Amino acid sequence: MQTVKVAVVQAAPALFDLNKTLEKTAVLVKEAAQKGAQLILFPEAFIPAYPRGFTFGTVVGSRSEEGKKLWLRYWENAVNMQGKEIEKLGSIAKENKVYLAIGVIERAENGGTLYCTLLYFSPRGALLARHQKLKPTAAERVIWGEGDGSTLSTIKTELGVLGGLICWENYMPLARMSMYQKGVQLYLAPTADHRETWQTTMRHIATEGRCFVLSCNQFVTKSMYPPDLPTLEELKDQPEIMSKGGSVIINPQGEILAGPLWNEEGILYADLNMDDLHKSKMDFDVAGHYAREDVFQFAVLNQPETLNFQG
């Protein structure tokens, strides 16, 4: 029997502040690693923020100057994939000898479009893979671009096969199947959805994919937003708790191992019995004997091969 200890970090970043959020990330990773975590997951858009409550000055047919100033602040604190922030995240993983998966806002190489991205780092500090959200939801489409099949990444490690999807991508059946098809065992689902219905989705995915599911959200209050943000007055009618969390860890039978955690920052831990993966597939294997390839055909355009990495 192999046991893997995992952690999901429910916290807020230093909103709209790249460098301070990197400092907070280092503290939280160290705390989880000292308690034995081998894989640590952070929420969607942890660096530099999930900009909940803002319109960025958009209505159909026009954008305001103040809204563009807010977007500029967001862009300036996004992650440059060739920047020192990638080195910093790698060093955090290496210093603590952990696999680190963290949601960031990624700045495109040409300096324009932003992407909502999940980054994977190895215990040696290497950036193993990244996944760009395929379909931003609703108003997210104003500020983020769309990813493609080339970033539907999975990684074979000594802990198990890592992979996952971001927030409402998890409602896309074919996106989930792309993970199942490549044998995902540790399914990561960073999110900004704090509704209780999200728990049902996570339990369904664990049961459907016969995989461990780690879902991680932020806990954010209105008072955490910097007072000098452009268009901050937009938040005046928002509740004090902007995101109440709901992070959770679930086994391949859909049973909750830790959480859900509500209305506070915290770190959830669970010891995963990897034998449960194999036992659970005796009666249902979504990419195996239940796939019925004689009836259905499934393909993903430009999907990368599973990366092999032994930490």
C-alpha atoms as a PDB file:
ATOM      1  CA  MET A   1       0.000   0.000   0.000  1.00  0.00           C
ATOM      2  CA  GLN A   2       1.272   3.438  -0.961  1.00  0.00           C
ATOM      3  CA  THR A   3       0.042   6.406   1.032  1.00  0.00           C
ATOM      4  CA  VAL A   4       0.322   9.959  -0.278  1.00  0.00           C
ATOM      5  CA  LYS A   5      -0.211  12.962   1.983  1.00  0.00           C
ATOM      6  CA  VAL A   6      -1.794  15.935   0.252  1.00  0.00           C
ATOM      7  CA  ALA A   7      -2.797  19.441   1.278  1.00  0.00           C
ATOM      8  CA  VAL A   8      -5.156  22.047  -0.138  1.00  0.00           C
ATOM      9  CA  VAL A   9      -4.585  25.645   0.902  1.00  0.00           C
ATOM     10  CA  GLN A  10      -7.691  27.774   1.371  1.00  0.00           C
ATOM     11  CA  ALA A  11      -6.456  31.331   1.636  1.00  0.00           C
ATOM     12  CA  ALA A  12      -6.588  34.750   0.034  1.00  0.00           C
ATOM     13  CA  PRO A  13      -3.648  36.245  -1.810  1.00  0.00           C
ATOM     14  CA  ALA A  14      -2.369  39.717  -1.146  1.00  0.00           C
ATOM     15  CA  LEU A  15      -4.928  40.894  -3.670  1.00  0.00           C
ATOM     16  CA  PHE A  16      -3.513  42.516  -6.823  1.00  0.00           C
ATOM     17  CA  ASP A  17       0.035  42.249  -5.409  1.00  0.00           C
ATOM     18  CA  LEU A  18       2.334  39.716  -7.058  1.00  0.00           C
ATOM     19  CA  ASN A  19       5.327  40.028  -4.748  1.00  0.00           C
ATOM     20  CA  LYS A  20       3.419  39.959  -1.461  1.00  0.00           C
ATOM     21  CA  THR A  21       1.423  36.964  -2.685  1.00  0.00           C
ATOM     22  CA  LEU A  22       4.640  35.119  -3.482  1.00  0.00           C
ATOM     23  CA  GLU A  23       5.773  35.806   0.089  1.00  0.00           C
ATOM     24  CA  LYS A  24       2.507  34.452   1.480  1.00  0.00           C
ATOM     25  CA  THR A  25       2.747  31.401  -0.764  1.00  0.00           C
ATOM     26  CA  ALA A  26       6.186  30.597   0.633  1.00  0.00           C
ATOM     27  CA  VAL A  27       4.877  30.727   4.211  1.00  0.00           C
ATOM     28  CA  LEU A  28       1.871  28.518   3.465  1.00  0.00           C
ATOM     29  CA  VAL A  29       3.860  25.941   1.507  1.00  0.00           C
ATOM     30  CA  LYS A  30       6.397  25.684   4.342  1.00  0.00           C
ATOM     31  CA  GLU A  31       3.602  25.143   6.858  1.00  0.00           C
ATOM     32  CA  ALA A  32       2.022  22.359   4.807  1.00  0.00           C
ATOM     33  CA  ALA A  33       5.358  20.706   4.047  1.00  0.00           C
ATOM     34  CA  GLN A  34       6.323  20.673   7.718  1.00  0.00           C
ATOM     35  CA  LYS A  35       3.157  18.664   8.355  1.00  0.00           C
ATOM     36  CA  GLY A  36       4.224  16.080   5.799  1.00  0.00           C
ATOM     37  CA  ALA A  37       2.358  17.160   2.667  1.00  0.00           C
ATOM     38  CA  GLN A  38       3.912  15.822  -0.537  1.00  0.00           C
ATOM     39  CA  LEU A  39       1.510  17.559  -2.925  1.00  0.00           C
ATOM     40  CA  ILE A  40       0.131  21.038  -2.200  1.00  0.00           C
ATOM     41  CA  LEU A  41      -2.668  22.697  -4.159  1.00  0.00           C
ATOM     42  CA  PHE A  42      -3.557  26.407  -4.178  1.00  0.00           C
ATOM     43  CA  PRO A  43      -6.782  27.957  -5.547  1.00  0.00           C
ATOM     44  CA  GLU A  44      -7.668  29.282  -8.977  1.00  0.00           C
ATOM     45  CA  ALA A  45      -6.118  32.680  -9.777  1.00  0.00           C
ATOM     46  CA  PHE A  46      -4.266  32.782  -6.456  1.00  0.00           C
ATOM     47  CA  ILE A  47      -1.640  35.017  -8.048  1.00  0.00           C
ATOM     48  CA  PRO A  48      -2.533  37.881  -8.113  1.00  0.00           C
ATOM     49  CA  ALA A  49      -6.300  37.590  -7.496  1.00  0.00           C
ATOM     50  CA  TYR A  50      -9.658  36.358  -8.642  1.00  0.00           C
ATOM     51  CA  PRO A  51     -11.181  39.837  -9.235  1.00  0.00           C
ATOM     52  CA  ARG A  52     -14.608  39.009  -7.878  1.00  0.00           C
ATOM     53  CA  GLY A  53     -17.143  41.815  -7.988  1.00  0.00           C
ATOM     54  CA  PHE A  54     -15.524  43.998 -10.662  1.00  0.00           C
ATOM     55  CA  THR A  55     -16.902  44.854 -14.110  1.00  0.00           C
ATOM     56  CA  PHE A  56     -13.661  46.397 -15.421  1.00  0.00           C
ATOM     57  CA  GLY A  57     -15.856  49.169 -16.758  1.00  0.00           C
ATOM     58  CA  THR A  58     -17.457  47.031 -19.441  1.00  0.00           C
ATOM     59  CA  VAL A  59     -20.877  47.182 -20.982  1.00  0.00           C
ATOM     60  CA  VAL A  60     -21.802  45.965 -24.439  1.00  0.00           C
ATOM     61  CA  GLY A  61     -20.278  48.445 -26.877  1.00  0.00           C
ATOM     62  CA  SER A  62     -17.901  50.334 -24.568  1.00  0.00           C
ATOM     63  CA  ARG A  63     -15.194  50.158 -21.896  1.00  0.00           C
ATOM     64  CA  SER A  64     -14.403  52.871 -19.349  1.00  0.00           C
ATOM     65  CA  GLU A  65     -11.014  54.444 -18.746  1.00  0.00           C
ATOM     66  CA  GLU A  66     -11.183  53.604 -15.015  1.00  0.00           C
ATOM     67  CA  GLY A  67     -11.953  49.979 -15.863  1.00  0.00           C
ATOM     68  CA  LYS A  68      -8.883  49.860 -18.101  1.00  0.00           C
ATOM     69  CA  LYS A  69      -6.779  51.250 -15.244  1.00  0.00           C
ATOM     70  CA  LEU A  70      -7.954  48.385 -13.020  1.00  0.00           C
ATOM     71  CA  TRP A  71      -7.116  45.876 -15.747  1.00  0.00           C
ATOM     72  CA  LEU A  72      -3.655  47.442 -16.063  1.00  0.00           C
ATOM     73  CA  ARG A  73      -3.095  46.967 -12.326  1.00  0.00           C
ATOM     74  CA  TYR A  74      -4.176  43.333 -12.746  1.00  0.00           C
ATOM     75  CA  TRP A  75      -1.897  42.883 -15.778  1.00  0.00           C
ATOM     76  CA  GLU A  76       1.100  44.404 -14.020  1.00  0.00           C
ATOM     77  CA  ASN A  77       0.787  41.875 -11.180  1.00  0.00           C
ATOM     78  CA  ALA A  78       0.152  38.846 -13.398  1.00  0.00           C
ATOM     79  CA  VAL A  79       2.751  36.088 -13.816  1.00  0.00           C
ATOM     80  CA  ASN A  80       5.361  36.452 -16.535  1.00  0.00           C
ATOM     81  CA  MET A  81       6.302  32.917 -17.554  1.00  0.00           C
ATOM     82  CA  GLN A  82       9.853  34.105 -18.298  1.00  0.00           C
ATOM     83  CA  GLY A  83      10.047  36.161 -15.119  1.00  0.00           C
ATOM     84  CA  LYS A  84      11.650  35.760 -11.717  1.00  0.00           C
ATOM     85  CA  GLU A  85       8.281  34.806 -10.239  1.00  0.00           C
ATOM     86  CA  ILE A  86       8.526  31.400 -11.935  1.00  0.00           C
ATOM     87  CA  GLU A  87      11.982  30.939 -10.434  1.00  0.00           C
ATOM     88  CA  LYS A  88      10.583  31.953  -7.040  1.00  0.00           C
ATOM     89  CA  LEU A  89       7.724  29.438  -7.195  1.00  0.00           C
ATOM     90  CA  GLY A  90      10.175  26.743  -8.279  1.00  0.00           C
ATOM     91  CA  SER A  91      12.486  27.552  -5.386  1.00  0.00           C
ATOM     92  CA  ILE A  92       9.553  27.367  -2.943  1.00  0.00           C
ATOM     93  CA  ALA A  93       8.753  23.856  -4.199  1.00  0.00           C
ATOM     94  CA  LYS A  94      12.424  22.827  -4.113  1.00  0.00           C
ATOM     95  CA  GLU A  95      13.152  24.209  -0.641  1.00  0.00           C
ATOM     96  CA  ASN A  96      10.198  22.268   0.756  1.00  0.00           C
ATOM     97  CA  LYS A  97      10.668  19.161  -1.452  1.00  0.00           C
ATOM     98  CA  VAL A  98       7.027  19.119  -2.572  1.00  0.00           C
ATOM     99  CA  TYR A  99       4.930  19.032  -5.696  1.00  0.00           C
ATOM    100  CA  LEU A 100       3.279  22.433  -5.914  1.00  0.00           C
ATOM    101  CA  ALA A 101       0.211  23.188  -8.044  1.00  0.00           C
ATOM    102  CA  ILE A 102      -0.969  26.793  -8.019  1.00  0.00           C
ATOM    103  CA  GLY A 103      -3.501  28.879  -9.878  1.00  0.00           C
ATOM    104  CA  VAL A 104      -2.093  32.029 -11.470  1.00  0.00           C
ATOM    105  CA  ILE A 105      -3.037  34.686 -13.967  1.00  0.00           C
ATOM    106  CA  GLU A 106      -0.541  34.242 -16.763  1.00  0.00           C
ATOM    107  CA  ARG A 107       0.609  37.076 -19.018  1.00  0.00           C
ATOM    108  CA  ALA A 108       1.008  36.049 -22.657  1.00  0.00           C
ATOM    109  CA  GLU A 109       4.544  36.116 -24.074  1.00  0.00           C
ATOM    110  CA  ASN A 110       3.621  38.959 -26.429  1.00  0.00           C
ATOM    111  CA  GLY A 111       2.573  41.045 -23.428  1.00  0.00           C
ATOM    112  CA  GLY A 112      -1.123  41.221 -24.204  1.00  0.00           C
ATOM    113  CA  THR A 113      -3.711  38.586 -23.288  1.00  0.00           C
ATOM    114  CA  LEU A 114      -4.082  37.167 -19.781  1.00  0.00           C
ATOM    115  CA  TYR A 115      -4.874  33.495 -19.123  1.00  0.00           C
ATOM    116  CA  CYS A 116      -6.223  31.746 -16.043  1.00  0.00           C
ATOM    117  CA  THR A 117      -3.608  29.045 -15.582  1.00  0.00           C
ATOM    118  CA  LEU A 118      -2.671  26.116 -13.347  1.00  0.00           C
ATOM    119  CA  LEU A 119       1.088  25.607 -12.881  1.00  0.00           C
ATOM    120  CA  TYR A 120       2.768  22.388 -11.719  1.00  0.00           C
ATOM    121  CA  PHE A 121       6.201  22.444 -10.034  1.00  0.00           C
ATOM    122  CA  SER A 122       8.350  19.470  -9.046  1.00  0.00           C
ATOM    123  CA  PRO A 123      10.193  18.881  -5.740  1.00  0.00           C
ATOM    124  CA  ARG A 124      13.349  19.778  -7.673  1.00  0.00           C
ATOM    125  CA  GLY A 125      11.919  23.183  -8.506  1.00  0.00           C
ATOM    126  CA  ALA A 126      11.228  22.554 -12.182  1.00  0.00           C
ATOM    127  CA  LEU A 127       8.103  23.867 -13.884  1.00  0.00           C
ATOM    128  CA  LEU A 128       6.644  20.584 -15.115  1.00  0.00           C
ATOM    129  CA  ALA A 129       3.537  21.756 -16.956  1.00  0.00           C
ATOM    130  CA  ARG A 130       0.884  24.425 -17.213  1.00  0.00           C
ATOM    131  CA  HIS A 131      -2.797  24.321 -18.099  1.00  0.00           C
ATOM    132  CA  GLN A 132      -4.630  27.346 -19.460  1.00  0.00           C
ATOM    133  CA  LYS A 133      -8.355  27.428 -18.738  1.00  0.00           C
ATOM    134  CA  LEU A 134     -10.187  26.382 -21.894  1.00  0.00           C
ATOM    135  CA  LYS A 135     -13.277  28.518 -21.432  1.00  0.00           C
ATOM    136  CA  PRO A 136     -13.499  31.496 -19.098  1.00  0.00           C
ATOM    137  CA  THR A 137     -16.992  31.755 -17.654  1.00  0.00           C
ATOM    138  CA  ALA A 138     -19.361  34.684 -18.238  1.00  0.00           C
ATOM    139  CA  ALA A 139     -17.660  38.025 -17.460  1.00  0.00           C
ATOM    140  CA  GLU A 140     -14.275  36.269 -17.087  1.00  0.00           C
ATOM    141  CA  ARG A 141     -14.193  36.302 -20.896  1.00  0.00           C
ATOM    142  CA  VAL A 142     -13.630  40.069 -20.808  1.00  0.00           C
ATOM    143  CA  ILE A 143     -10.298  39.737 -18.994  1.00  0.00           C
ATOM    144  CA  TRP A 144      -8.969  36.251 -19.863  1.00  0.00           C
ATOM    145  CA  GLY A 145      -8.223  34.482 -23.125  1.00  0.00           C
ATOM    146  CA  GLU A 146      -9.025  30.845 -23.970  1.00  0.00           C
ATOM    147  CA  GLY A 147      -6.575  27.977 -23.696  1.00  0.00           C
ATOM    148  CA  ASP A 148      -6.462  24.994 -26.043  1.00  0.00           C
ATOM    149  CA  GLY A 149      -5.865  21.263 -26.018  1.00  0.00           C
ATOM    150  CA  SER A 150      -2.091  21.656 -25.956  1.00  0.00           C
ATOM    151  CA  THR A 151      -2.217  22.489 -22.236  1.00  0.00           C
ATOM    152  CA  LEU A 152      -4.464  19.626 -21.088  1.00  0.00           C
ATOM    153  CA  SER A 153      -1.493  18.381 -19.103  1.00  0.00           C
ATOM    154  CA  THR A 154      -1.003  15.229 -17.058  1.00  0.00           C
ATOM    155  CA  ILE A 155       2.158  14.196 -15.221  1.00  0.00           C
ATOM    156  CA  LYS A 156       3.171  10.690 -14.143  1.00  0.00           C
ATOM    157  CA  THR A 157       5.027  10.957 -10.834  1.00  0.00           C
ATOM    158  CA  GLU A 158       6.022   8.638  -8.016  1.00  0.00           C
ATOM    159  CA  LEU A 159       2.929   9.895  -6.174  1.00  0.00           C
ATOM    160  CA  GLY A 160       0.554   9.060  -9.024  1.00  0.00           C
ATOM    161  CA  VAL A 161      -0.690  10.686 -12.222  1.00  0.00           C
ATOM    162  CA  LEU A 162      -1.406  14.395 -11.650  1.00  0.00           C
ATOM    163  CA  GLY A 163      -3.850  16.361 -13.767  1.00  0.00           C
ATOM    164  CA  GLY A 164      -6.922  18.512 -13.515  1.00  0.00           C
ATOM    165  CA  LEU A 165      -9.179  21.304 -14.686  1.00  0.00           C
ATOM    166  CA  ILE A 166      -9.958  24.815 -13.492  1.00  0.00           C
ATOM    167  CA  CYS A 167     -13.337  25.785 -12.023  1.00  0.00           C
ATOM    168  CA  TRP A 168     -16.219  25.412 -14.501  1.00  0.00           C
ATOM    169  CA  GLU A 169     -14.093  23.443 -16.950  1.00  0.00           C
ATOM    170  CA  ASN A 170     -15.095  20.661 -14.600  1.00  0.00           C
ATOM    171  CA  TYR A 171     -18.633  20.939 -15.996  1.00  0.00           C
ATOM    172  CA  MET A 172     -17.290  20.099 -19.473  1.00  0.00           C
ATOM    173  CA  PRO A 173     -17.751  16.301 -19.893  1.00  0.00           C
ATOM    174  CA  LEU A 174     -15.227  15.993 -22.723  1.00  0.00           C
ATOM    175  CA  ALA A 175     -12.609  17.975 -20.812  1.00  0.00           C
ATOM    176  CA  ARG A 176     -13.035  15.589 -17.885  1.00  0.00           C
ATOM    177  CA  MET A 177     -12.769  12.629 -20.253  1.00  0.00           C
ATOM    178  CA  SER A 178      -9.463  13.981 -21.525  1.00  0.00           C
ATOM    179  CA  MET A 179      -8.128  13.602 -17.973  1.00  0.00           C
ATOM    180  CA  TYR A 180      -9.653  10.171 -17.420  1.00  0.00           C
ATOM    181  CA  GLN A 181      -8.327   8.917 -20.756  1.00  0.00           C
ATOM    182  CA  LYS A 182      -4.778   9.584 -19.602  1.00  0.00           C
ATOM    183  CA  GLY A 183      -5.248   7.832 -16.283  1.00  0.00           C
ATOM    184  CA  VAL A 184      -5.457  10.761 -13.882  1.00  0.00           C
ATOM    185  CA  GLN A 185      -5.252   9.603 -10.268  1.00  0.00           C
ATOM    186  CA  LEU A 186      -4.774  12.877  -8.387  1.00  0.00           C
ATOM    187  CA  TYR A 187      -7.349  15.163  -9.982  1.00  0.00           C
ATOM    188  CA  LEU A 188      -6.817  18.833  -9.109  1.00  0.00           C
ATOM    189  CA  ALA A 189      -9.754  21.243  -9.287  1.00  0.00           C
ATOM    190  CA  PRO A 190      -8.804  24.765  -8.200  1.00  0.00           C
ATOM    191  CA  THR A 191     -11.902  26.933  -8.305  1.00  0.00           C
ATOM    192  CA  ALA A 192     -13.611  30.204  -7.463  1.00  0.00           C
ATOM    193  CA  ASP A 193     -17.028  28.548  -7.004  1.00  0.00           C
ATOM    194  CA  HIS A 194     -18.098  28.740  -3.358  1.00  0.00           C
ATOM    195  CA  ARG A 195     -21.609  27.380  -3.783  1.00  0.00           C
ATOM    196  CA  GLU A 196     -22.567  24.232  -1.921  1.00  0.00           C
ATOM    197  CA  THR A 197     -23.568  22.662  -5.248  1.00  0.00           C
ATOM    198  CA  TRP A 198     -19.866  22.597  -6.124  1.00  0.00           C
ATOM    199  CA  GLN A 199     -19.399  19.828  -3.560  1.00  0.00           C
ATOM    200  CA  THR A 200     -21.816  17.653  -5.524  1.00  0.00           C
ATOM    201  CA  THR A 201     -19.780  18.200  -8.683  1.00  0.00           C
ATOM    202  CA  MET A 202     -16.542  17.243  -6.969  1.00  0.00           C
ATOM    203  CA  ARG A 203     -18.026  14.063  -5.501  1.00  0.00           C
ATOM    204  CA  HIS A 204     -19.437  13.165  -8.908  1.00  0.00           C
ATOM    205  CA  ILE A 205     -16.035  13.593 -10.592  1.00  0.00           C
ATOM    206  CA  ALA A 206     -14.309  11.437  -7.987  1.00  0.00           C
ATOM    207  CA  THR A 207     -16.896   8.714  -8.485  1.00  0.00           C
ATOM    208  CA  GLU A 208     -16.966   9.056 -12.273  1.00  0.00           C
ATOM    209  CA  GLY A 209     -13.194   9.172 -12.716  1.00  0.00           C
ATOM    210  CA  ARG A 210     -12.390   6.769  -9.869  1.00  0.00           C
ATOM    211  CA  CYS A 211      -9.753   9.251  -8.773  1.00  0.00           C
ATOM    212  CA  PHE A 212      -8.872  11.338  -5.747  1.00  0.00           C
ATOM    213  CA  VAL A 213     -10.192  14.880  -6.155  1.00  0.00           C
ATOM    214  CA  LEU A 214      -8.571  17.894  -4.508  1.00  0.00           C
ATOM    215  CA  SER A 215     -10.651  21.053  -4.837  1.00  0.00           C
ATOM    216  CA  CYS A 216      -9.292  24.347  -3.560  1.00  0.00           C
ATOM    217  CA  ASN A 217     -10.920  27.760  -3.254  1.00  0.00           C
ATOM    218  CA  GLN A 218     -10.012  31.116  -1.744  1.00  0.00           C
ATOM    219  CA  PHE A 219     -11.477  32.650   1.380  1.00  0.00           C
ATOM    220  CA  VAL A 220     -11.749  36.371   0.634  1.00  0.00           C
ATOM    221  CA  THR A 221     -13.401  39.301   2.392  1.00  0.00           C
ATOM    222  CA  LYS A 222     -14.180  42.716   0.936  1.00  0.00           C
ATOM    223  CA  SER A 223     -11.882  44.404   3.449  1.00  0.00           C
ATOM    224  CA  MET A 224      -8.911  42.513   1.960  1.00  0.00           C
ATOM    225  CA  TYR A 225      -9.056  44.531  -1.270  1.00  0.00           C
ATOM    226  CA  PRO A 226      -6.468  47.340  -1.496  1.00  0.00           C
ATOM    227  CA  PRO A 227      -8.154  50.697  -0.781  1.00  0.00           C
ATOM    228  CA  ASP A 228      -6.461  52.378  -3.760  1.00  0.00           C
ATOM    229  CA  LEU A 229      -7.868  50.079  -6.452  1.00  0.00           C
ATOM    230  CA  PRO A 230      -9.576  51.874  -9.355  1.00  0.00           C
ATOM    231  CA  THR A 231     -13.365  51.334  -9.406  1.00  0.00           C
ATOM    232  CA  LEU A 232     -13.321  49.971  -5.827  1.00  0.00           C
ATOM    233  CA  GLU A 233     -16.697  51.638  -5.284  1.00  0.00           C
ATOM    234  CA  GLU A 234     -18.212  48.828  -7.387  1.00  0.00           C
ATOM    235  CA  LEU A 235     -17.906  46.579  -4.346  1.00  0.00           C
ATOM    236  CA  LYS A 236     -20.014  48.735  -2.025  1.00  0.00           C
ATOM    237  CA  ASP A 237     -23.088  46.517  -2.348  1.00  0.00           C
ATOM    238  CA  GLN A 238     -21.134  43.253  -2.149  1.00  0.00           C
ATOM    239  CA  PRO A 239     -21.228  41.161   1.070  1.00  0.00           C
ATOM    240  CA  GLU A 240     -18.246  41.321   3.405  1.00  0.00           C
ATOM    241  CA  ILE A 241     -17.426  37.665   2.691  1.00  0.00           C
ATOM    242  CA  MET A 242     -16.754  37.679  -1.045  1.00  0.00           C
ATOM    243  CA  SER A 243     -15.752  34.020  -1.238  1.00  0.00           C
ATOM    244  CA  LYS A 244     -16.533  31.623   1.604  1.00  0.00           C
ATOM    245  CA  GLY A 245     -14.292  28.775   0.414  1.00  0.00           C
ATOM    246  CA  GLY A 246     -15.503  25.205   0.393  1.00  0.00           C
ATOM    247  CA  SER A 247     -12.193  23.426  -0.246  1.00  0.00           C
ATOM    248  CA  VAL A 248     -12.457  19.640  -0.031  1.00  0.00           C
ATOM    249  CA  ILE A 249     -10.593  16.355  -0.567  1.00  0.00           C
ATOM    250  CA  ILE A 250     -12.536  13.316  -1.839  1.00  0.00           C
ATOM    251  CA  ASN A 251     -11.685   9.639  -2.425  1.00  0.00           C
ATOM    252  CA  PRO A 252     -12.478   7.524  -5.530  1.00  0.00           C
ATOM    253  CA  GLN A 253     -15.765   6.341  -3.986  1.00  0.00           C
ATOM    254  CA  GLY A 254     -16.952   9.939  -3.686  1.00  0.00           C
ATOM    255  CA  GLU A 255     -16.442   9.998   0.083  1.00  0.00           C
ATOM    256  CA  ILE A 256     -15.173  13.189   1.706  1.00  0.00           C
ATOM    257  CA  LEU A 257     -11.796  12.790   3.409  1.00  0.00           C
ATOM    258  CA  ALA A 258     -11.325  16.411   4.510  1.00  0.00           C
ATOM    259  CA  GLY A 259     -13.538  19.489   4.486  1.00  0.00           C
ATOM    260  CA  PRO A 260     -15.408  21.193   3.135  1.00  0.00           C
ATOM    261  CA  LEU A 261     -13.897  24.213   4.863  1.00  0.00           C
ATOM    262  CA  TRP A 262     -16.112  27.301   5.066  1.00  0.00           C
ATOM    263  CA  ASN A 263     -15.714  30.933   6.140  1.00  0.00           C
ATOM    264  CA  GLU A 264     -12.061  30.890   7.138  1.00  0.00           C
ATOM    265  CA  GLU A 265      -8.548  30.445   5.872  1.00  0.00           C
ATOM    266  CA  GLY A 266      -6.955  27.081   6.562  1.00  0.00           C
ATOM    267  CA  ILE A 267      -5.150  24.060   5.171  1.00  0.00           C
ATOM    268  CA  LEU A 268      -6.839  20.693   4.713  1.00  0.00           C
ATOM    269  CA  TYR A 269      -4.810  17.480   4.818  1.00  0.00           C
ATOM    270  CA  ALA A 270      -5.523  13.894   3.868  1.00  0.00           C
ATOM    271  CA  ASP A 271      -3.570  10.633   3.669  1.00  0.00           C
ATOM    272  CA  LEU A 272      -4.543   8.954   0.404  1.00  0.00           C
ATOM    273  CA  ASN A 273      -4.453   5.160   0.187  1.00  0.00           C
ATOM    274  CA  MET A 274      -3.487   4.656  -3.449  1.00  0.00           C
ATOM    275  CA  ASP A 275      -4.824   1.089  -3.412  1.00  0.00           C
ATOM    276  CA  ASP A 276      -8.285   2.665  -3.347  1.00  0.00           C
ATOM    277  CA  LEU A 277      -7.739   3.747  -6.951  1.00  0.00           C
ATOM    278  CA  HIS A 278      -7.399   0.192  -8.190  1.00  0.00           C
ATOM    279  CA  LYS A 279     -10.095  -1.320  -5.983  1.00  0.00           C
ATOM    280  CA  SER A 280     -12.605   1.279  -7.124  1.00  0.00           C
ATOM    281  CA  LYS A 281     -12.174   0.327 -10.792  1.00  0.00           C
ATOM    282  CA  MET A 282     -13.285  -3.241 -10.334  1.00  0.00           C
ATOM    283  CA  ASP A 283     -16.892  -2.301 -11.007  1.00  0.00           C
ATOM    284  CA  PHE A 284     -16.504   0.936 -12.980  1.00  0.00           C
ATOM    285  CA  ASP A 285     -13.640   2.146 -15.166  1.00  0.00           C
ATOM    286  CA  VAL A 286     -14.642   5.159 -17.249  1.00  0.00           C
ATOM    287  CA  ALA A 287     -11.662   4.865 -19.603  1.00  0.00           C
ATOM    288  CA  GLY A 288     -11.526   1.062 -19.448  1.00  0.00           C
ATOM    289  CA  HIS A 289     -14.300  -1.502 -19.558  1.00  0.00           C
ATOM    290  CA  TYR A 290     -16.992   1.211 -19.365  1.00  0.00           C
ATOM    291  CA  ALA A 291     -15.543   3.241 -22.260  1.00  0.00           C
ATOM    292  CA  ARG A 292     -17.243   1.126 -24.983  1.00  0.00           C
ATOM    293  CA  GLU A 293     -14.880   2.135 -27.752  1.00  0.00           C
ATOM    294  CA  ASP A 294     -16.895  -0.056 -30.104  1.00  0.00           C
ATOM    295  CA  VAL A 295     -19.695   2.495 -29.712  1.00  0.00           C
ATOM    296  CA  PHE A 296     -17.985   5.817 -28.933  1.00  0.00           C
ATOM    297  CA  GLN A 297     -14.970   7.588 -30.383  1.00  0.00           C
ATOM    298  CA  PHE A 298     -13.128  10.255 -28.462  1.00  0.00           C
ATOM    299  CA  ALA A 299     -10.169  12.457 -29.416  1.00  0.00           C
ATOM    300  CA  VAL A 300      -8.592  15.668 -28.168  1.00  0.00           C
ATOM    301  CA  LEU A 301      -6.909  17.974 -30.674  1.00  0.00           C
ATOM    302  CA  ASN A 302      -3.263  18.725 -29.824  1.00  0.00           C
ATOM    303  CA  GLN A 303      -3.424  17.069 -26.393  1.00  0.00           C
ATOM    304  CA  PRO A 304       0.112  16.610 -25.036  1.00  0.00           C
ATOM    305  CA  GLU A 305       1.509  13.249 -24.044  1.00  0.00           C
ATOM    306  CA  THR A 306       1.635  12.457 -20.333  1.00  0.00           C
ATOM    307  CA  LEU A 307       4.896  13.765 -18.892  1.00  0.00           C
ATOM    308  CA  ASN A 308       6.927  11.217 -16.935  1.00  0.00           C
ATOM    309  CA  PHE A 309       8.651  12.622 -13.880  1.00  0.00           C
ATOM    310  CA  GLN A 310      10.014  10.856 -10.832  1.00  0.00           C
ATOM    311  CA  GLY A 311      10.822  13.392  -8.132  1.00  0.00           C
END
